[in-house]
Amino acid sequence: MSRMDEKSKIVCACFSVSEADIRAHLADPQNTLESLVSQTEIGTKCTACLLDLDLIIDDTVALRRSVASRLGQGMQKTKGLSITADLTSSGFFLNRQNVKTSLRVSNFPVLFESKYHGVPYSVSLRLVSAAGKCVKTYRQDLNLNDTMHVSFSDLLPPHIEDGWFLLSLYPKQRGLVGSIRPQVALEGANWVSTYHTQPQAMATKDGARNKITVYHAKSGFQSCISVINANSRPGKVTVRMHDMYGPWKMEHALDLGASNATIVDLDDLFPQAPVEGVLQVTVTSDIDTRKHILIQQPNGSLSIDHFPN
């Protein structure tokens, strides 16, 4: 498919709005997301297009100009160096009978000092099922020195067990990003494990954030990997494992649909791994993916982290 064909694809089937229509609208600095919705009605019917819409918006430099236009005429008098920050991050969630997920975002000034000017945000949260369906959209304002807490189980349909989310923070005025690191908590019967989100832009195909070291004991790996495909097209994922101190190696290929996510048990994927050894897992793909490691501890809790930088 050519780049031109890609841009002309239909994003909102309900109202026949294409990616080209969205980008053309946002290319005008006088236009905003609100005016796009008002003129095209995109996202107001079945909402299946909202995830693609968010990804296009985050990829559109013109939106940065339209955000700036909403800040008022006073911005035109501002001088000095400014850099647009990418504040769209992602992560996985579990919504099972024995494990629930919640999100906490606090908005404090830089280094928690009031002399640095922070900004309020408009927060957009998309919850996407493992099968790639946007099942819930949540929006909230986040003022300076405030904290928001969202329980995913309160938002998700009960039949959705696993999935991923896209979290976008849109500044309402100019200022500094501040001390913001969204935290995700997975809560079990008698334990809580947390991890911080990572910018969706740090998703990779190969070469960075795609390797992790695991230990194989007599009881197995007791570990899983989460892979998130936030793209609007399917992809091929290859999971390779090799003995860091020996010749053993093995690989498996996975198909990951558009906007899909999967959690793969390493014991199921590599049952023939050497007993008691240090092994390296490498995940490559033909589409950019976000990757996490989940290790189950003897007490049932989880140790979680994204693949290291």
Protein backbone atom coordinates (compact mmCIF):
# COMPACT_ATOMS: atom_id res chain seq x y z
CA MET A 1 0.00 0.00 0.00
CA SER A 2 1.42 3.43 -0.91
CA ARG A 3 1.68 6.25 1.59
CA MET A 4 -1.03 8.08 -0.34
CA ASP A 5 -3.39 5.09 -0.12
CA GLU A 6 -2.59 4.81 3.60
CA LYS A 7 -3.55 8.43 4.19
CA SER A 8 -6.83 8.09 2.23
CA LYS A 9 -8.08 5.04 4.16
CA ILE A 10 -11.41 5.35 5.97
CA VAL A 11 -11.02 5.81 9.73
CA CYS A 12 -14.68 6.39 10.64
CA ALA A 13 -16.94 4.09 8.61
CA CYS A 14 -20.10 5.53 10.18
CA PHE A 15 -19.55 8.98 8.63
CA SER A 16 -16.97 8.13 5.89
CA VAL A 17 -14.17 10.20 7.42
CA SER A 18 -10.71 9.34 6.05
CA GLU A 19 -7.27 9.85 7.55
CA ALA A 20 -6.66 12.44 4.84
CA ASP A 21 -9.78 14.35 6.00
CA ILE A 22 -8.50 14.38 9.60
CA ARG A 23 -5.00 15.53 8.69
CA ALA A 24 -6.32 18.20 6.32
CA HIS A 25 -8.61 19.58 9.02
CA LEU A 26 -5.86 19.70 11.65
CA ALA A 27 -3.36 21.24 9.23
CA ASP A 28 -5.24 24.53 9.68
CA PRO A 29 -3.94 26.10 12.94
CA GLN A 30 -7.38 27.60 13.53
CA ASN A 31 -8.99 24.15 13.72
CA THR A 32 -9.19 21.96 16.81
CA LEU A 33 -10.20 18.45 17.75
CA GLU A 34 -13.53 19.85 18.89
CA SER A 35 -14.17 21.47 15.51
CA LEU A 36 -13.24 18.20 13.77
CA VAL A 37 -15.85 16.29 15.76
CA SER A 38 -18.41 19.04 15.23
CA GLN A 39 -17.95 19.10 11.45
CA THR A 40 -17.54 15.37 10.75
CA GLU A 41 -19.29 13.68 13.73
CA ILE A 42 -16.35 11.26 13.89
CA GLY A 43 -16.43 9.06 16.99
CA THR A 44 -19.98 9.99 17.98
CA LYS A 45 -21.74 6.81 16.87
CA CYS A 46 -20.11 3.36 17.31
CA THR A 47 -16.77 4.77 18.70
CA ALA A 48 -14.75 2.01 16.99
CA CYS A 49 -12.61 4.69 15.30
CA LEU A 50 -11.52 6.49 18.47
CA LEU A 51 -8.28 4.58 18.95
CA ASP A 52 -7.14 5.23 15.37
CA LEU A 53 -8.19 8.86 15.77
CA ASP A 54 -6.02 9.25 18.88
CA LEU A 55 -3.02 7.71 17.11
CA ILE A 56 -3.43 9.98 14.08
CA ILE A 57 -3.76 13.04 16.31
CA ASP A 58 -0.63 12.12 18.25
CA ASP A 59 1.21 11.71 14.94
CA THR A 60 0.04 15.01 13.47
CA VAL A 61 2.37 17.92 13.97
CA ALA A 62 -0.48 20.21 12.94
CA LEU A 63 -2.29 19.32 16.16
CA ARG A 64 0.50 20.93 18.14
CA ARG A 65 -0.28 24.16 16.33
CA SER A 66 -4.02 23.74 16.97
CA VAL A 67 -3.36 23.08 20.66
CA ALA A 68 -1.28 26.24 20.71
CA SER A 69 -4.11 28.20 19.07
CA ARG A 70 -6.41 27.23 21.94
CA LEU A 71 -4.08 28.80 24.45
CA GLY A 72 -5.07 32.34 23.51
CA GLN A 73 -3.45 35.36 21.89
CA GLY A 74 -1.13 35.82 24.85
CA MET A 75 1.02 32.97 23.58
CA GLN A 76 2.05 35.05 20.58
CA LYS A 77 3.94 37.38 22.90
CA THR A 78 5.88 34.57 24.55
CA LYS A 79 9.56 34.42 23.64
CA GLY A 80 12.23 31.80 24.25
CA LEU A 81 12.86 28.16 23.48
CA SER A 82 9.97 25.70 23.73
CA ILE A 83 9.83 21.98 22.95
CA THR A 84 6.66 19.99 22.43
CA ALA A 85 6.57 17.03 24.84
CA ASP A 86 5.12 13.67 23.82
CA LEU A 87 2.79 12.76 26.68
CA THR A 88 1.10 9.70 25.22
CA SER A 89 2.00 6.49 27.04
CA SER A 90 0.72 2.93 27.14
CA GLY A 91 0.65 -0.24 29.19
CA PHE A 92 -1.21 -3.50 29.71
CA PHE A 93 -4.00 -4.33 32.16
CA LEU A 94 -5.52 -7.43 33.76
CA ASN A 95 -9.21 -7.57 34.67
CA ARG A 96 -9.57 -11.05 36.10
CA GLN A 97 -11.51 -12.36 39.06
CA ASN A 98 -8.41 -12.41 41.25
CA VAL A 99 -6.46 -9.46 39.76
CA LYS A 100 -7.67 -5.91 39.16
CA THR A 101 -5.90 -2.92 37.58
CA SER A 102 -5.96 0.77 38.43
CA LEU A 103 -4.16 3.89 37.21
CA ARG A 104 -2.83 6.82 39.23
CA VAL A 105 -1.57 10.08 37.70
CA SER A 106 -0.28 12.94 39.82
CA ASN A 107 0.52 16.37 38.39
CA PHE A 108 3.21 18.16 40.41
CA PRO A 109 5.62 20.94 39.37
CA VAL A 110 9.20 20.12 38.35
CA LEU A 111 11.09 18.68 41.35
CA PHE A 112 7.88 19.27 43.34
CA GLU A 113 8.85 22.95 43.74
CA SER A 114 6.23 25.65 43.29
CA LYS A 115 8.65 28.11 41.68
CA TYR A 116 8.53 26.04 38.47
CA HIS A 117 5.40 26.67 36.45
CA GLY A 118 3.46 23.48 35.79
CA VAL A 119 0.31 23.22 33.71
CA PRO A 120 -3.14 21.61 33.95
CA TYR A 121 -3.96 18.79 31.55
CA SER A 122 -6.90 17.25 29.77
CA VAL A 123 -6.47 13.49 30.17
CA SER A 124 -7.71 10.92 27.65
CA LEU A 125 -7.68 7.21 28.51
CA ARG A 126 -8.54 4.51 25.96
CA LEU A 127 -9.06 0.96 27.21
CA VAL A 128 -8.56 -1.61 24.43
CA SER A 129 -9.31 -5.31 24.64
CA ALA A 130 -6.65 -7.89 23.78
CA ALA A 131 -8.62 -8.47 20.56
CA GLY A 132 -8.16 -4.83 19.52
CA LYS A 133 -11.58 -3.33 20.31
CA CYS A 134 -11.72 0.06 22.05
CA VAL A 135 -14.11 -0.85 24.87
CA LYS A 136 -14.04 2.36 26.91
CA THR A 137 -13.01 6.00 26.62
CA TYR A 138 -12.48 8.02 29.77
CA ARG A 139 -11.69 11.72 30.00
CA GLN A 140 -10.84 13.89 32.98
CA ASP A 141 -9.18 17.22 33.72
CA LEU A 142 -6.05 17.09 35.85
CA ASN A 143 -5.13 20.37 37.54
CA LEU A 144 -1.73 21.25 38.93
CA ASN A 145 -0.99 19.58 42.31
CA ASP A 146 -3.93 17.21 41.80
CA THR A 147 -4.07 13.42 41.47
CA MET A 148 -6.47 11.25 39.48
CA HIS A 149 -7.18 7.61 40.26
CA VAL A 150 -9.04 5.33 37.85
CA SER A 151 -10.14 1.76 38.60
CA PHE A 152 -10.27 -0.13 35.31
CA SER A 153 -12.70 -2.71 36.69
CA ASP A 154 -15.24 0.10 37.19
CA LEU A 155 -14.98 1.00 33.49
CA LEU A 156 -14.54 -2.36 31.77
CA PRO A 157 -17.24 -4.84 30.78
CA PRO A 158 -16.88 -7.97 32.96
CA HIS A 159 -16.04 -10.23 30.00
CA ILE A 160 -12.88 -8.25 29.16
CA GLU A 161 -10.01 -9.96 31.00
CA ASP A 162 -6.78 -8.69 29.42
CA GLY A 163 -5.94 -5.72 27.25
CA TRP A 164 -3.96 -2.54 26.97
CA PHE A 165 -4.50 1.19 27.29
CA LEU A 166 -3.42 4.44 25.67
CA LEU A 167 -3.04 7.42 28.02
CA SER A 168 -2.73 10.91 26.52
CA LEU A 169 -2.13 14.13 28.43
CA TYR A 170 -2.96 17.34 26.56
CA PRO A 171 -1.62 20.57 28.17
CA LYS A 172 -4.14 23.37 28.55
CA GLN A 173 -1.48 26.10 28.50
CA ARG A 174 2.23 26.61 28.05
CA GLY A 175 4.54 25.57 30.83
CA LEU A 176 6.78 22.78 32.03
CA VAL A 177 5.84 19.11 31.93
CA GLY A 178 6.44 18.73 35.66
CA SER A 179 6.97 15.62 37.78
CA ILE A 180 4.51 13.26 36.10
CA ARG A 181 4.98 9.51 35.91
CA PRO A 182 1.71 7.59 35.65
CA GLN A 183 1.65 4.49 37.84
CA VAL A 184 -0.31 1.30 37.15
CA ALA A 185 -1.27 -0.97 40.07
CA LEU A 186 -2.25 -4.64 39.76
CA GLU A 187 -4.00 -5.77 42.93
CA GLY A 188 -4.43 -9.39 43.98
CA ALA A 189 -6.00 -10.95 47.07
CA ASN A 190 -3.11 -10.08 49.38
CA TRP A 191 -0.57 -8.24 47.21
CA VAL A 192 -0.14 -5.18 45.00
CA SER A 193 2.40 -4.78 42.19
CA THR A 194 3.03 -1.53 40.31
CA TYR A 195 4.81 -0.35 37.19
CA HIS A 196 5.12 3.02 35.48
CA THR A 197 3.92 3.68 31.95
CA GLN A 198 6.32 4.37 29.10
CA PRO A 199 5.80 6.64 26.07
CA GLN A 200 4.08 4.80 23.25
CA ALA A 201 6.69 6.38 20.95
CA MET A 202 9.28 4.07 22.57
CA ALA A 203 7.69 1.03 20.92
CA THR A 204 10.27 -0.77 18.75
CA LYS A 205 10.67 -3.44 16.09
CA ASP A 206 14.26 -4.44 16.88
CA GLY A 207 17.52 -3.14 18.32
CA ALA A 208 16.21 -1.37 21.44
CA ARG A 209 13.86 -2.33 24.29
CA ASN A 210 13.50 -5.83 22.88
CA LYS A 211 15.72 -8.01 25.14
CA ILE A 212 15.32 -9.26 28.70
CA THR A 213 17.17 -11.83 30.83
CA VAL A 214 15.21 -14.57 32.62
CA TYR A 215 16.15 -17.47 34.88
CA HIS A 216 14.85 -20.98 34.33
CA ALA A 217 14.58 -22.99 37.56
CA LYS A 218 13.45 -26.56 38.13
CA SER A 219 9.94 -25.18 38.65
CA GLY A 220 10.08 -23.38 35.29
CA PHE A 221 10.17 -19.73 34.31
CA GLN A 222 7.02 -18.68 36.18
CA SER A 223 7.12 -15.74 33.77
CA CYS A 224 5.10 -14.19 30.98
CA ILE A 225 5.75 -11.48 28.41
CA SER A 226 3.22 -8.90 27.34
CA VAL A 227 3.37 -7.58 23.77
CA ILE A 228 1.25 -4.62 22.63
CA ASN A 229 0.60 -3.75 18.98
CA ALA A 230 -0.90 -0.25 18.97
CA ASN A 231 -0.74 -0.06 15.18
CA SER A 232 -3.78 -0.09 12.93
CA ARG A 233 -2.36 -3.03 10.99
CA PRO A 234 -1.47 -6.61 12.03
CA GLY A 235 2.09 -7.74 12.49
CA LYS A 236 4.44 -10.70 12.87
CA VAL A 237 6.22 -11.13 16.20
CA THR A 238 9.16 -13.47 16.78
CA VAL A 239 10.11 -14.54 20.31
CA ARG A 240 13.62 -15.96 20.51
CA MET A 241 15.30 -17.53 23.52
CA HIS A 242 18.91 -18.64 23.86
CA ASP A 243 21.25 -19.94 26.55
CA MET A 244 23.68 -17.16 27.41
CA TYR A 245 26.33 -19.72 28.37
CA GLY A 246 25.57 -22.58 26.00
CA PRO A 247 24.46 -23.49 22.47
CA TRP A 248 20.72 -24.01 23.13
CA LYS A 249 18.31 -21.68 21.32
CA MET A 250 14.72 -21.72 20.10
CA GLU A 251 12.21 -19.32 18.56
CA HIS A 252 8.46 -19.01 18.02
CA ALA A 253 6.47 -16.82 15.62
CA LEU A 254 3.27 -15.10 16.71
CA ASP A 255 0.61 -13.27 14.71
CA LEU A 256 -0.62 -10.12 16.41
CA GLY A 257 -3.67 -8.42 14.94
CA ALA A 258 -4.23 -4.69 14.54
CA SER A 259 -4.46 -2.96 17.95
CA ASN A 260 -4.10 -6.40 19.58
CA ALA A 261 -2.16 -7.38 22.69
CA THR A 262 -1.09 -10.73 24.04
CA ILE A 263 0.38 -12.18 27.23
CA VAL A 264 2.50 -15.26 26.51
CA ASP A 265 3.56 -17.79 29.15
CA LEU A 266 7.25 -18.62 28.65
CA ASP A 267 6.75 -22.11 30.12
CA ASP A 268 4.17 -22.82 27.40
CA LEU A 269 6.32 -21.28 24.68
CA PHE A 270 9.63 -22.93 25.64
CA PRO A 271 8.92 -26.20 27.52
CA GLN A 272 12.27 -27.64 26.39
CA ALA A 273 14.42 -24.88 27.87
CA PRO A 274 17.54 -26.05 29.79
CA VAL A 275 16.87 -26.68 33.47
CA GLU A 276 18.40 -24.09 35.78
CA GLY A 277 20.03 -21.60 33.50
CA VAL A 278 20.24 -17.91 32.62
CA LEU A 279 18.52 -17.29 29.30
CA GLN A 280 17.91 -14.25 27.14
CA VAL A 281 14.56 -13.49 25.52
CA THR A 282 14.56 -11.34 22.37
CA VAL A 283 11.32 -10.07 20.83
CA THR A 284 11.39 -8.69 17.28
CA SER A 285 8.54 -7.71 14.97
CA ASP A 286 7.69 -6.04 11.67
CA ILE A 287 5.56 -3.47 13.54
CA ASP A 288 6.50 -1.36 16.57
CA THR A 289 5.49 -3.05 19.83
CA ARG A 290 5.63 -2.33 23.55
CA LYS A 291 6.90 -5.19 25.70
CA HIS A 292 6.73 -6.07 29.43
CA ILE A 293 7.94 -8.94 31.60
CA LEU A 294 5.73 -10.42 34.35
CA ILE A 295 7.35 -12.74 36.90
CA GLN A 296 5.19 -14.59 39.42
CA GLN A 297 6.69 -14.78 42.90
CA PRO A 298 6.16 -17.72 45.33
CA ASN A 299 3.55 -15.71 47.28
CA GLY A 300 1.50 -15.15 44.10
CA SER A 301 2.50 -11.53 43.55
CA LEU A 302 3.94 -10.24 40.28
CA SER A 303 7.20 -8.46 39.52
CA ILE A 304 6.62 -6.27 36.46
CA ASP A 305 8.76 -4.06 34.25
CA HIS A 306 8.99 -2.92 30.65
CA PHE A 307 11.84 -4.34 28.59
CA PRO A 308 14.90 -2.25 29.57
CA ASN A 309 16.13 0.62 27.43
